[in-house]
Amino acid sequence: VNVAQPVRFSRKCPTGWHHYEGTASCYRVYLNGENYW
């Protein structure tokens, strides 16, 4: 049978977001021009 292998999890953010390990956070730029509020 297929033996379970150690897994390296590849993503901690949804698609389109960039992950930074130092803050355990995800970041995304939205291009649609909006005012601050």
Full PDB file with SEQRES, HELIX, SHEET, SSBOND, CRYST1, ORIGX, SCALE, CONECT and MASTER records, all heavy atoms in Angstrom:
SEQRES   1 A   37  VAL ASN VAL ALA GLN PRO VAL ARG PHE SER ARG LYS CYS          
SEQRES   2 A   37  PRO THR GLY TRP HIS HIS TYR GLU GLY THR ALA SER CYS          
SEQRES   3 A   37  TYR ARG VAL TYR LEU ASN GLY GLU ASN TYR TRP                  
SHEET    1 AA1 2 HIS A  18  TYR A  20  0                                        
SHEET    2 AA1 2 SER A  25  TYR A  27 -1                                        
SSBOND   1 CYS A   13    CYS A   26                          1555   1555  2.08  
CRYST1    1.000    1.000    1.000  90.00  90.00  90.00 P 1           1          
ORIGX1      1.000000  0.000000  0.000000        0.00000                         
ORIGX2      0.000000  1.000000  0.000000        0.00000                         
ORIGX3      0.000000  0.000000  1.000000        0.00000                         
SCALE1      1.000000  0.000000  0.000000        0.00000                         
SCALE2      0.000000  1.000000  0.000000        0.00000                         
SCALE3      0.000000  0.000000  1.000000        0.00000                         
ATOM      1  N   VAL A   1       0.847  -1.197   0.000  1.00  0.00           N  
ATOM      2  CA  VAL A   1       0.000   0.000   0.000  1.00  0.00           C  
ATOM      3  C   VAL A   1       0.879   1.242   0.000  1.00  0.00           C  
ATOM      4  O   VAL A   1       2.079   1.184   0.237  1.00  0.00           O  
ATOM      5  CB  VAL A   1      -0.930   0.019   1.233  1.00  0.00           C  
ATOM      6  CG1 VAL A   1      -1.915  -1.127   1.197  1.00  0.00           C  
ATOM      7  CG2 VAL A   1      -0.125  -0.005   2.520  1.00  0.00           C  
ATOM      8  N   ASN A   2       0.250   2.374  -0.296  1.00  0.00           N  
ATOM      9  CA  ASN A   2       0.984   3.632  -0.273  1.00  0.00           C  
ATOM     10  C   ASN A   2       1.287   4.013   1.174  1.00  0.00           C  
ATOM     11  O   ASN A   2       0.389   4.170   1.981  1.00  0.00           O  
ATOM     12  CB  ASN A   2       0.145   4.740  -0.915  1.00  0.00           C  
ATOM     13  CG  ASN A   2      -0.151   4.432  -2.363  1.00  0.00           C  
ATOM     14  OD1 ASN A   2       0.700   3.906  -3.069  1.00  0.00           O  
ATOM     15  ND2 ASN A   2      -1.359   4.745  -2.802  1.00  0.00           N  
ATOM     16  N   VAL A   3       2.543   4.185   1.496  1.00  0.00           N  
ATOM     17  CA  VAL A   3       2.951   4.492   2.864  1.00  0.00           C  
ATOM     18  C   VAL A   3       2.919   6.002   3.069  1.00  0.00           C  
ATOM     19  O   VAL A   3       3.349   6.763   2.211  1.00  0.00           O  
ATOM     20  CB  VAL A   3       4.373   3.951   3.130  1.00  0.00           C  
ATOM     21  CG1 VAL A   3       4.819   4.286   4.551  1.00  0.00           C  
ATOM     22  CG2 VAL A   3       4.404   2.444   2.908  1.00  0.00           C  
ATOM     23  N   ALA A   4       2.386   6.423   4.209  1.00  0.00           N  
ATOM     24  CA  ALA A   4       2.316   7.861   4.489  1.00  0.00           C  
ATOM     25  C   ALA A   4       3.719   8.440   4.591  1.00  0.00           C  
ATOM     26  O   ALA A   4       4.583   7.883   5.254  1.00  0.00           O  
ATOM     27  CB  ALA A   4       1.563   8.093   5.795  1.00  0.00           C  
ATOM     28  N   GLN A   5       3.938   9.541   3.912  1.00  0.00           N  
ATOM     29  CA  GLN A   5       5.230  10.201   3.902  1.00  0.00           C  
ATOM     30  C   GLN A   5       5.141  11.503   4.699  1.00  0.00           C  
ATOM     31  O   GLN A   5       4.070  12.089   4.814  1.00  0.00           O  
ATOM     32  CB  GLN A   5       5.643  10.518   2.463  1.00  0.00           C  
ATOM     33  CG  GLN A   5       5.765   9.296   1.568  1.00  0.00           C  
ATOM     34  CD  GLN A   5       6.909   8.408   1.978  1.00  0.00           C  
ATOM     35  OE1 GLN A   5       7.928   8.883   2.469  1.00  0.00           O  
ATOM     36  NE2 GLN A   5       6.737   7.107   1.803  1.00  0.00           N  
ATOM     37  N   PRO A   6       6.270  11.995   5.246  1.00  0.00           N  
ATOM     38  CA  PRO A   6       6.238  13.318   5.875  1.00  0.00           C  
ATOM     39  C   PRO A   6       5.799  14.358   4.849  1.00  0.00           C  
ATOM     40  O   PRO A   6       6.245  14.336   3.702  1.00  0.00           O  
ATOM     41  CB  PRO A   6       7.692  13.548   6.298  1.00  0.00           C  
ATOM     42  CG  PRO A   6       8.306  12.188   6.346  1.00  0.00           C  
ATOM     43  CD  PRO A   6       7.598  11.378   5.303  1.00  0.00           C  
ATOM     44  N   VAL A   7       4.918  15.235   5.248  1.00  0.00           N  
ATOM     45  CA  VAL A   7       4.342  16.203   4.317  1.00  0.00           C  
ATOM     46  C   VAL A   7       4.847  17.597   4.666  1.00  0.00           C  
ATOM     47  O   VAL A   7       4.839  18.004   5.820  1.00  0.00           O  
ATOM     48  CB  VAL A   7       2.802  16.184   4.384  1.00  0.00           C  
ATOM     49  CG1 VAL A   7       2.208  17.278   3.505  1.00  0.00           C  
ATOM     50  CG2 VAL A   7       2.282  14.830   3.958  1.00  0.00           C  
ATOM     51  N   ARG A   8       5.289  18.330   3.653  1.00  0.00           N  
ATOM     52  CA  ARG A   8       5.642  19.738   3.842  1.00  0.00           C  
ATOM     53  C   ARG A   8       4.466  20.554   3.328  1.00  0.00           C  
ATOM     54  O   ARG A   8       4.183  20.573   2.142  1.00  0.00           O  
ATOM     55  CB  ARG A   8       6.912  20.081   3.052  1.00  0.00           C  
ATOM     56  CG  ARG A   8       7.385  21.506   3.270  1.00  0.00           C  
ATOM     57  CD  ARG A   8       8.725  21.709   2.576  1.00  0.00           C  
ATOM     58  NE  ARG A   8       9.217  23.056   2.820  1.00  0.00           N  
ATOM     59  CZ  ARG A   8       8.930  24.100   2.073  1.00  0.00           C  
ATOM     60  NH1 ARG A   8       8.147  23.951   1.022  1.00  0.00           N  
ATOM     61  NH2 ARG A   8       9.417  25.295   2.347  1.00  0.00           N  
ATOM     62  N   PHE A   9       3.765  21.224   4.238  1.00  0.00           N  
ATOM     63  CA  PHE A   9       2.565  21.952   3.844  1.00  0.00           C  
ATOM     64  C   PHE A   9       2.972  23.165   3.035  1.00  0.00           C  
ATOM     65  O   PHE A   9       3.785  23.976   3.465  1.00  0.00           O  
ATOM     66  CB  PHE A   9       1.760  22.346   5.080  1.00  0.00           C  
ATOM     67  CG  PHE A   9       1.367  21.162   5.906  1.00  0.00           C  
ATOM     68  CD1 PHE A   9       1.889  20.954   7.159  1.00  0.00           C  
ATOM     69  CD2 PHE A   9       0.495  20.218   5.393  1.00  0.00           C  
ATOM     70  CE1 PHE A   9       1.540  19.847   7.909  1.00  0.00           C  
ATOM     71  CE2 PHE A   9       0.129  19.113   6.126  1.00  0.00           C  
ATOM     72  CZ  PHE A   9       0.659  18.925   7.384  1.00  0.00           C  
ATOM     73  N   SER A  10       2.399  23.282   1.846  1.00  0.00           N  
ATOM     74  CA  SER A  10       2.911  24.254   0.888  1.00  0.00           C  
ATOM     75  C   SER A  10       2.249  25.613   0.992  1.00  0.00           C  
ATOM     76  O   SER A  10       2.794  26.589   0.521  1.00  0.00           O  
ATOM     77  CB  SER A  10       2.730  23.710  -0.535  1.00  0.00           C  
ATOM     78  OG  SER A  10       1.363  23.447  -0.776  1.00  0.00           O  
ATOM     79  N   ARG A  11       1.073  25.707   1.603  1.00  0.00           N  
ATOM     80  CA  ARG A  11       0.394  26.989   1.598  1.00  0.00           C  
ATOM     81  C   ARG A  11      -0.352  27.227   2.899  1.00  0.00           C  
ATOM     82  O   ARG A  11      -1.006  26.339   3.419  1.00  0.00           O  
ATOM     83  CB  ARG A  11      -0.610  27.030   0.447  1.00  0.00           C  
ATOM     84  CG  ARG A  11       0.021  27.063  -0.920  1.00  0.00           C  
ATOM     85  CD  ARG A  11       0.201  28.492  -1.394  1.00  0.00           C  
ATOM     86  NE  ARG A  11      -1.093  29.062  -1.727  1.00  0.00           N  
ATOM     87  CZ  ARG A  11      -1.801  28.718  -2.794  1.00  0.00           C  
ATOM     88  NH1 ARG A  11      -1.344  27.834  -3.634  1.00  0.00           N  
ATOM     89  NH2 ARG A  11      -2.968  29.266  -3.030  1.00  0.00           N  
ATOM     90  N   LYS A  12      -0.221  28.422   3.440  1.00  0.00           N  
ATOM     91  CA  LYS A  12      -0.965  28.803   4.631  1.00  0.00           C  
ATOM     92  C   LYS A  12      -1.841  30.011   4.340  1.00  0.00           C  
ATOM     93  O   LYS A  12      -2.391  30.613   5.255  1.00  0.00           O  
ATOM     94  CB  LYS A  12       0.006  29.110   5.766  1.00  0.00           C  
ATOM     95  CG  LYS A  12       0.835  27.898   6.180  1.00  0.00           C  
ATOM     96  CD  LYS A  12       1.878  28.269   7.211  1.00  0.00           C  
ATOM     97  CE  LYS A  12       2.718  27.045   7.566  1.00  0.00           C  
ATOM     98  NZ  LYS A  12       3.790  27.377   8.509  1.00  0.00           N  
ATOM     99  N   CYS A  13      -1.935  30.365   3.081  1.00  0.00           N  
ATOM    100  CA  CYS A  13      -2.740  31.520   2.678  1.00  0.00           C  
ATOM    101  C   CYS A  13      -3.611  31.128   1.489  1.00  0.00           C  
ATOM    102  O   CYS A  13      -3.231  30.267   0.696  1.00  0.00           O  
ATOM    103  CB  CYS A  13      -1.850  32.687   2.265  1.00  0.00           C  
ATOM    104  SG  CYS A  13      -0.763  33.289   3.566  1.00  0.00           S  
ATOM    105  N   PRO A  14      -4.760  31.774   1.338  1.00  0.00           N  
ATOM    106  CA  PRO A  14      -5.579  31.524   0.151  1.00  0.00           C  
ATOM    107  C   PRO A  14      -4.845  31.953  -1.124  1.00  0.00           C  
ATOM    108  O   PRO A  14      -3.873  32.702  -1.074  1.00  0.00           O  
ATOM    109  CB  PRO A  14      -6.820  32.400   0.389  1.00  0.00           C  
ATOM    110  CG  PRO A  14      -6.811  32.701   1.855  1.00  0.00           C  
ATOM    111  CD  PRO A  14      -5.388  32.706   2.276  1.00  0.00           C  
ATOM    112  N   THR A  15      -5.321  31.482  -2.270  1.00  0.00           N  
ATOM    113  CA  THR A  15      -4.727  31.859  -3.547  1.00  0.00           C  
ATOM    114  C   THR A  15      -4.742  33.378  -3.705  1.00  0.00           C  
ATOM    115  O   THR A  15      -5.722  34.037  -3.397  1.00  0.00           O  
ATOM    116  CB  THR A  15      -5.520  31.208  -4.694  1.00  0.00           C  
ATOM    117  OG1 THR A  15      -5.406  29.786  -4.568  1.00  0.00           O  
ATOM    118  CG2 THR A  15      -4.966  31.622  -6.053  1.00  0.00           C  
ATOM    119  N   GLY A  16      -3.618  33.913  -4.193  1.00  0.00           N  
ATOM    120  CA  GLY A  16      -3.506  35.353  -4.397  1.00  0.00           C  
ATOM    121  C   GLY A  16      -2.874  36.088  -3.231  1.00  0.00           C  
ATOM    122  O   GLY A  16      -2.556  37.267  -3.347  1.00  0.00           O  
ATOM    123  N   TRP A  17      -2.678  35.393  -2.100  1.00  0.00           N  
ATOM    124  CA  TRP A  17      -2.074  36.009  -0.921  1.00  0.00           C  
ATOM    125  C   TRP A  17      -0.634  35.526  -0.781  1.00  0.00           C  
ATOM    126  O   TRP A  17      -0.303  34.404  -1.152  1.00  0.00           O  
ATOM    127  CB  TRP A  17      -2.864  35.661   0.332  1.00  0.00           C  
ATOM    128  CG  TRP A  17      -4.246  36.220   0.365  1.00  0.00           C  
ATOM    129  CD1 TRP A  17      -5.317  35.808  -0.387  1.00  0.00           C  
ATOM    130  CD2 TRP A  17      -4.728  37.300   1.175  1.00  0.00           C  
ATOM    131  NE1 TRP A  17      -6.429  36.558  -0.090  1.00  0.00           N  
ATOM    132  CE2 TRP A  17      -6.093  37.483   0.876  1.00  0.00           C  
ATOM    133  CE3 TRP A  17      -4.141  38.128   2.142  1.00  0.00           C  
ATOM    134  CZ2 TRP A  17      -6.876  38.458   1.496  1.00  0.00           C  
ATOM    135  CZ3 TRP A  17      -4.917  39.083   2.761  1.00  0.00           C  
ATOM    136  CH2 TRP A  17      -6.262  39.252   2.439  1.00  0.00           C  
ATOM    137  N   HIS A  18       0.227  36.377  -0.215  1.00  0.00           N  
ATOM    138  CA  HIS A  18       1.636  36.048   0.007  1.00  0.00           C  
ATOM    139  C   HIS A  18       1.852  35.804   1.499  1.00  0.00           C  
ATOM    140  O   HIS A  18       1.415  36.603   2.328  1.00  0.00           O  
ATOM    141  CB  HIS A  18       2.539  37.193  -0.452  1.00  0.00           C  
ATOM    142  CG  HIS A  18       2.501  37.437  -1.931  1.00  0.00           C  
ATOM    143  ND1 HIS A  18       3.624  37.402  -2.733  1.00  0.00           N  
ATOM    144  CD2 HIS A  18       1.476  37.731  -2.767  1.00  0.00           C  
ATOM    145  CE1 HIS A  18       3.289  37.658  -3.988  1.00  0.00           C  
ATOM    146  NE2 HIS A  18       1.996  37.863  -4.025  1.00  0.00           N  
ATOM    147  N   HIS A  19       2.539  34.713   1.826  1.00  0.00           N  
ATOM    148  CA  HIS A  19       2.742  34.345   3.225  1.00  0.00           C  
ATOM    149  C   HIS A  19       4.114  34.806   3.710  1.00  0.00           C  
ATOM    150  O   HIS A  19       5.111  34.667   3.017  1.00  0.00           O  
ATOM    151  CB  HIS A  19       2.643  32.825   3.394  1.00  0.00           C  
ATOM    152  CG  HIS A  19       2.819  32.364   4.801  1.00  0.00           C  
ATOM    153  ND1 HIS A  19       3.958  31.740   5.256  1.00  0.00           N  
ATOM    154  CD2 HIS A  19       1.999  32.465   5.882  1.00  0.00           C  
ATOM    155  CE1 HIS A  19       3.830  31.461   6.535  1.00  0.00           C  
ATOM    156  NE2 HIS A  19       2.657  31.888   6.948  1.00  0.00           N  
ATOM    157  N   TYR A  20       4.141  35.370   4.935  1.00  0.00           N  
ATOM    158  CA  TYR A  20       5.405  35.758   5.570  1.00  0.00           C  
ATOM    159  C   TYR A  20       5.487  35.054   6.917  1.00  0.00           C  
ATOM    160  O   TYR A  20       4.672  35.289   7.808  1.00  0.00           O  
ATOM    161  CB  TYR A  20       5.474  37.272   5.742  1.00  0.00           C  
ATOM    162  CG  TYR A  20       6.711  37.752   6.479  1.00  0.00           C  
ATOM    163  CD1 TYR A  20       7.984  37.362   6.062  1.00  0.00           C  
ATOM    164  CD2 TYR A  20       6.601  38.583   7.589  1.00  0.00           C  
ATOM    165  CE1 TYR A  20       9.117  37.793   6.736  1.00  0.00           C  
ATOM    166  CE2 TYR A  20       7.730  39.023   8.263  1.00  0.00           C  
ATOM    167  CZ  TYR A  20       8.978  38.630   7.831  1.00  0.00           C  
ATOM    168  OH  TYR A  20      10.109  39.060   8.495  1.00  0.00           O  
ATOM    169  N   GLU A  21       6.486  34.190   7.055  1.00  0.00           N  
ATOM    170  CA  GLU A  21       6.625  33.362   8.251  1.00  0.00           C  
ATOM    171  C   GLU A  21       6.889  34.203   9.490  1.00  0.00           C  
ATOM    172  O   GLU A  21       6.463  33.866  10.600  1.00  0.00           O  
ATOM    173  CB  GLU A  21       7.779  32.369   8.045  1.00  0.00           C  
ATOM    174  CG  GLU A  21       7.792  31.214   9.021  1.00  0.00           C  
ATOM    175  CD  GLU A  21       6.676  30.211   8.760  1.00  0.00           C  
ATOM    176  OE1 GLU A  21       6.504  29.786   7.601  1.00  0.00           O  
ATOM    177  OE2 GLU A  21       5.975  29.879   9.734  1.00  0.00           O  
ATOM    178  N   GLY A  22       7.612  35.330   9.300  1.00  0.00           N  
ATOM    179  CA  GLY A  22       8.008  36.142  10.445  1.00  0.00           C  
ATOM    180  C   GLY A  22       6.853  36.674  11.263  1.00  0.00           C  
ATOM    181  O   GLY A  22       6.974  36.880  12.472  1.00  0.00           O  
ATOM    182  N   THR A  23       5.711  36.905  10.619  1.00  0.00           N  
ATOM    183  CA  THR A  23       4.536  37.403  11.342  1.00  0.00           C  
ATOM    184  C   THR A  23       3.358  36.434  11.274  1.00  0.00           C  
ATOM    185  O   THR A  23       2.286  36.743  11.791  1.00  0.00           O  
ATOM    186  CB  THR A  23       4.080  38.751  10.757  1.00  0.00           C  
ATOM    187  OG1 THR A  23       3.783  38.573   9.364  1.00  0.00           O  
ATOM    188  CG2 THR A  23       5.145  39.816  10.919  1.00  0.00           C  
ATOM    189  N   ALA A  24       3.569  35.286  10.630  1.00  0.00           N  
ATOM    190  CA  ALA A  24       2.483  34.311  10.433  1.00  0.00           C  
ATOM    191  C   ALA A  24       1.268  35.003   9.825  1.00  0.00           C  
ATOM    192  O   ALA A  24       0.135  34.810  10.268  1.00  0.00           O  
ATOM    193  CB  ALA A  24       2.121  33.615  11.736  1.00  0.00           C  
ATOM    194  N   SER A  25       1.530  35.802   8.780  1.00  0.00           N  
ATOM    195  CA  SER A  25       0.465  36.597   8.170  1.00  0.00           C  
ATOM    196  C   SER A  25       0.445  36.408   6.658  1.00  0.00           C  
ATOM    197  O   SER A  25       1.411  35.942   6.050  1.00  0.00           O  
ATOM    198  CB  SER A  25       0.654  38.087   8.488  1.00  0.00           C  
ATOM    199  OG  SER A  25       0.581  38.313   9.876  1.00  0.00           O  
ATOM    200  N   CYS A  26      -0.693  36.795   6.076  1.00  0.00           N  
ATOM    201  CA  CYS A  26      -0.890  36.750   4.632  1.00  0.00           C  
ATOM    202  C   CYS A  26      -1.153  38.176   4.130  1.00  0.00           C  
ATOM    203  O   CYS A  26      -1.806  38.963   4.827  1.00  0.00           O  
ATOM    204  CB  CYS A  26      -2.086  35.867   4.289  1.00  0.00           C  
ATOM    205  SG  CYS A  26      -1.999  34.186   4.980  1.00  0.00           S  
ATOM    206  N   TYR A  27      -0.678  38.472   2.930  1.00  0.00           N  
ATOM    207  CA  TYR A  27      -0.777  39.826   2.380  1.00  0.00           C  
ATOM    208  C   TYR A  27      -1.285  39.757   0.947  1.00  0.00           C  
ATOM    209  O   TYR A  27      -0.908  38.868   0.186  1.00  0.00           O  
ATOM    210  CB  TYR A  27       0.592  40.516   2.377  1.00  0.00           C  
ATOM    211  CG  TYR A  27       1.274  40.515   3.722  1.00  0.00           C  
ATOM    212  CD1 TYR A  27       1.964  39.390   4.169  1.00  0.00           C  
ATOM    213  CD2 TYR A  27       1.224  41.620   4.554  1.00  0.00           C  
ATOM    214  CE1 TYR A  27       2.584  39.376   5.413  1.00  0.00           C  
ATOM    215  CE2 TYR A  27       1.848  41.619   5.802  1.00  0.00           C  
ATOM    216  CZ  TYR A  27       2.522  40.489   6.210  1.00  0.00           C  
ATOM    217  OH  TYR A  27       3.129  40.471   7.444  1.00  0.00           O  
ATOM    218  N   ARG A  28      -2.098  40.740   0.592  1.00  0.00           N  
ATOM    219  CA  ARG A  28      -2.598  40.791  -0.780  1.00  0.00           C  
ATOM    220  C   ARG A  28      -2.819  42.238  -1.198  1.00  0.00           C  
ATOM    221  O   ARG A  28      -3.352  43.042  -0.438  1.00  0.00           O  
ATOM    222  CB  ARG A  28      -3.917  40.027  -0.904  1.00  0.00           C  
ATOM    223  CG  ARG A  28      -4.483  40.061  -2.323  1.00  0.00           C  
ATOM    224  CD  ARG A  28      -5.726  39.209  -2.466  1.00  0.00           C  
ATOM    225  NE  ARG A  28      -6.271  39.312  -3.802  1.00  0.00           N  
ATOM    226  CZ  ARG A  28      -7.339  38.651  -4.232  1.00  0.00           C  
ATOM    227  NH1 ARG A  28      -7.968  37.817  -3.410  1.00  0.00           N  
ATOM    228  NH2 ARG A  28      -7.783  38.801  -5.460  1.00  0.00           N  
ATOM    229  N   VAL A  29      -2.392  42.558  -2.427  1.00  0.00           N  
ATOM    230  CA  VAL A  29      -2.655  43.878  -3.010  1.00  0.00           C  
ATOM    231  C   VAL A  29      -3.931  43.795  -3.836  1.00  0.00           C  
ATOM    232  O   VAL A  29      -4.097  42.882  -4.652  1.00  0.00           O  
ATOM    233  CB  VAL A  29      -1.475  44.334  -3.891  1.00  0.00           C  
ATOM    234  CG1 VAL A  29      -1.882  45.517  -4.766  1.00  0.00           C  
ATOM    235  CG2 VAL A  29      -0.292  44.729  -3.022  1.00  0.00           C  
ATOM    236  N   TYR A  30      -4.847  44.717  -3.599  1.00  0.00           N  
ATOM    237  CA  TYR A  30      -6.063  44.838  -4.399  1.00  0.00           C  
ATOM    238  C   TYR A  30      -5.883  46.018  -5.350  1.00  0.00           C  
ATOM    239  O   TYR A  30      -5.533  47.127  -4.935  1.00  0.00           O  
ATOM    240  CB  TYR A  30      -7.288  45.068  -3.511  1.00  0.00           C  
ATOM    241  CG  TYR A  30      -7.761  43.807  -2.827  1.00  0.00           C  
ATOM    242  CD1 TYR A  30      -7.146  43.342  -1.670  1.00  0.00           C  
ATOM    243  CD2 TYR A  30      -8.810  43.052  -3.355  1.00  0.00           C  
ATOM    244  CE1 TYR A  30      -7.569  42.184  -1.049  1.00  0.00           C  
ATOM    245  CE2 TYR A  30      -9.242  41.892  -2.740  1.00  0.00           C  
ATOM    246  CZ  TYR A  30      -8.621  41.463  -1.596  1.00  0.00           C  
ATOM    247  OH  TYR A  30      -9.036  40.306  -0.973  1.00  0.00           O  
ATOM    248  N   LEU A  31      -6.127  45.767  -6.617  1.00  0.00           N  
ATOM    249  CA  LEU A  31      -5.842  46.767  -7.648  1.00  0.00           C  
ATOM    250  C   LEU A  31      -7.000  47.696  -7.923  1.00  0.00           C  
ATOM    251  O   LEU A  31      -6.805  48.771  -8.479  1.00  0.00           O  
ATOM    252  CB  LEU A  31      -5.452  46.053  -8.956  1.00  0.00           C  
ATOM    253  CG  LEU A  31      -4.209  45.169  -8.847  1.00  0.00           C  
ATOM    254  CD1 LEU A  31      -4.017  44.382 -10.118  1.00  0.00           C  
ATOM    255  CD2 LEU A  31      -2.995  46.017  -8.549  1.00  0.00           C  
ATOM    256  N   ASN A  32      -8.222  47.278  -7.573  1.00  0.00           N  
ATOM    257  CA  ASN A  32      -9.367  48.136  -7.869  1.00  0.00           C  
ATOM    258  C   ASN A  32      -9.232  49.409  -7.036  1.00  0.00           C  
ATOM    259  O   ASN A  32      -9.153  49.360  -5.819  1.00  0.00           O  
ATOM    260  CB  ASN A  32     -10.684  47.422  -7.560  1.00  0.00           C  
ATOM    261  CG  ASN A  32     -10.629  46.662  -6.249  1.00  0.00           C  
ATOM    262  OD1 ASN A  32      -9.667  45.976  -5.966  1.00  0.00           O  
ATOM    263  ND2 ASN A  32     -11.662  46.809  -5.437  1.00  0.00           N  
ATOM    264  N   GLY A  33      -9.158  50.554  -7.705  1.00  0.00           N  
ATOM    265  CA  GLY A  33      -8.915  51.806  -7.007  1.00  0.00           C  
ATOM    266  C   GLY A  33     -10.078  52.168  -6.103  1.00  0.00           C  
ATOM    267  O   GLY A  33     -11.217  52.305  -6.558  1.00  0.00           O  
ATOM    268  N   GLU A  34      -9.817  52.298  -4.808  1.00  0.00           N  
ATOM    269  CA  GLU A  34     -10.849  52.668  -3.852  1.00  0.00           C  
ATOM    270  C   GLU A  34     -10.312  53.748  -2.926  1.00  0.00           C  
ATOM    271  O   GLU A  34      -9.101  53.844  -2.713  1.00  0.00           O  
ATOM    272  CB  GLU A  34     -11.284  51.443  -3.031  1.00  0.00           C  
ATOM    273  CG  GLU A  34     -11.948  50.357  -3.872  1.00  0.00           C  
ATOM    274  CD  GLU A  34     -12.481  49.202  -3.030  1.00  0.00           C  
ATOM    275  OE1 GLU A  34     -12.355  49.269  -1.785  1.00  0.00           O  
ATOM    276  OE2 GLU A  34     -13.006  48.239  -3.612  1.00  0.00           O  
ATOM    277  N   ASN A  35     -11.229  54.568  -2.378  1.00  0.00           N  
ATOM    278  CA  ASN A  35     -10.758  55.504  -1.373  1.00  0.00           C  
ATOM    279  C   ASN A  35     -10.437  54.732  -0.093  1.00  0.00           C  
ATOM    280  O   ASN A  35     -10.716  53.536   0.025  1.00  0.00           O  
ATOM    281  CB  ASN A  35     -11.767  56.644  -1.158  1.00  0.00           C  
ATOM    282  CG  ASN A  35     -13.056  56.185  -0.491  1.00  0.00           C  
ATOM    283  OD1 ASN A  35     -13.056  55.411   0.460  1.00  0.00           O  
ATOM    284  ND2 ASN A  35     -14.189  56.680  -0.997  1.00  0.00           N  
ATOM    285  N   TYR A  36      -9.822  55.430   0.843  1.00  0.00           N  
ATOM    286  CA  TYR A  36      -9.313  54.764   2.042  1.00  0.00           C  
ATOM    287  C   TYR A  36     -10.409  54.023   2.797  1.00  0.00           C  
ATOM    288  O   TYR A  36     -10.236  52.875   3.208  1.00  0.00           O  
ATOM    289  CB  TYR A  36      -8.661  55.810   2.944  1.00  0.00           C  
ATOM    290  CG  TYR A  36      -7.854  55.230   4.083  1.00  0.00           C  
ATOM    291  CD1 TYR A  36      -6.516  54.896   3.897  1.00  0.00           C  
ATOM    292  CD2 TYR A  36      -8.420  55.016   5.339  1.00  0.00           C  
ATOM    293  CE1 TYR A  36      -5.766  54.371   4.934  1.00  0.00           C  
ATOM    294  CE2 TYR A  36      -7.681  54.483   6.379  1.00  0.00           C  
ATOM    295  CZ  TYR A  36      -6.354  54.165   6.173  1.00  0.00           C  
ATOM    296  OH  TYR A  36      -5.616  53.631   7.203  1.00  0.00           O  
ATOM    297  N   TRP A  37     -11.563  54.661   2.964  1.00  0.00           N  
ATOM    298  CA  TRP A  37     -12.627  54.071   3.772  1.00  0.00           C  
ATOM    299  C   TRP A  37     -13.225  52.841   3.095  1.00  0.00           C  
ATOM    300  O   TRP A  37     -13.540  51.843   3.757  1.00  0.00           O  
ATOM    301  CB  TRP A  37     -13.717  55.116   4.048  1.00  0.00           C  
ATOM    302  CG  TRP A  37     -13.124  56.436   4.436  1.00  0.00           C  
ATOM    303  CD1 TRP A  37     -13.184  57.606   3.741  1.00  0.00           C  
ATOM    304  CD2 TRP A  37     -12.326  56.719   5.598  1.00  0.00           C  
ATOM    305  NE1 TRP A  37     -12.497  58.597   4.385  1.00  0.00           N  
ATOM    306  CE2 TRP A  37     -11.963  58.090   5.538  1.00  0.00           C  
ATOM    307  CE3 TRP A  37     -11.899  55.959   6.691  1.00  0.00           C  
ATOM    308  CZ2 TRP A  37     -11.192  58.709   6.513  1.00  0.00           C  
ATOM    309  CZ3 TRP A  37     -11.126  56.576   7.663  1.00  0.00           C  
ATOM    310  CH2 TRP A  37     -10.778  57.929   7.579  1.00  0.00           C  
TER     311      TRP A  37                                                      
CONECT  104  205                                                                
CONECT  205  104                                                                
MASTER        0    0    0    0    2    0    0    6  310    1    2    3          
END                                                                             
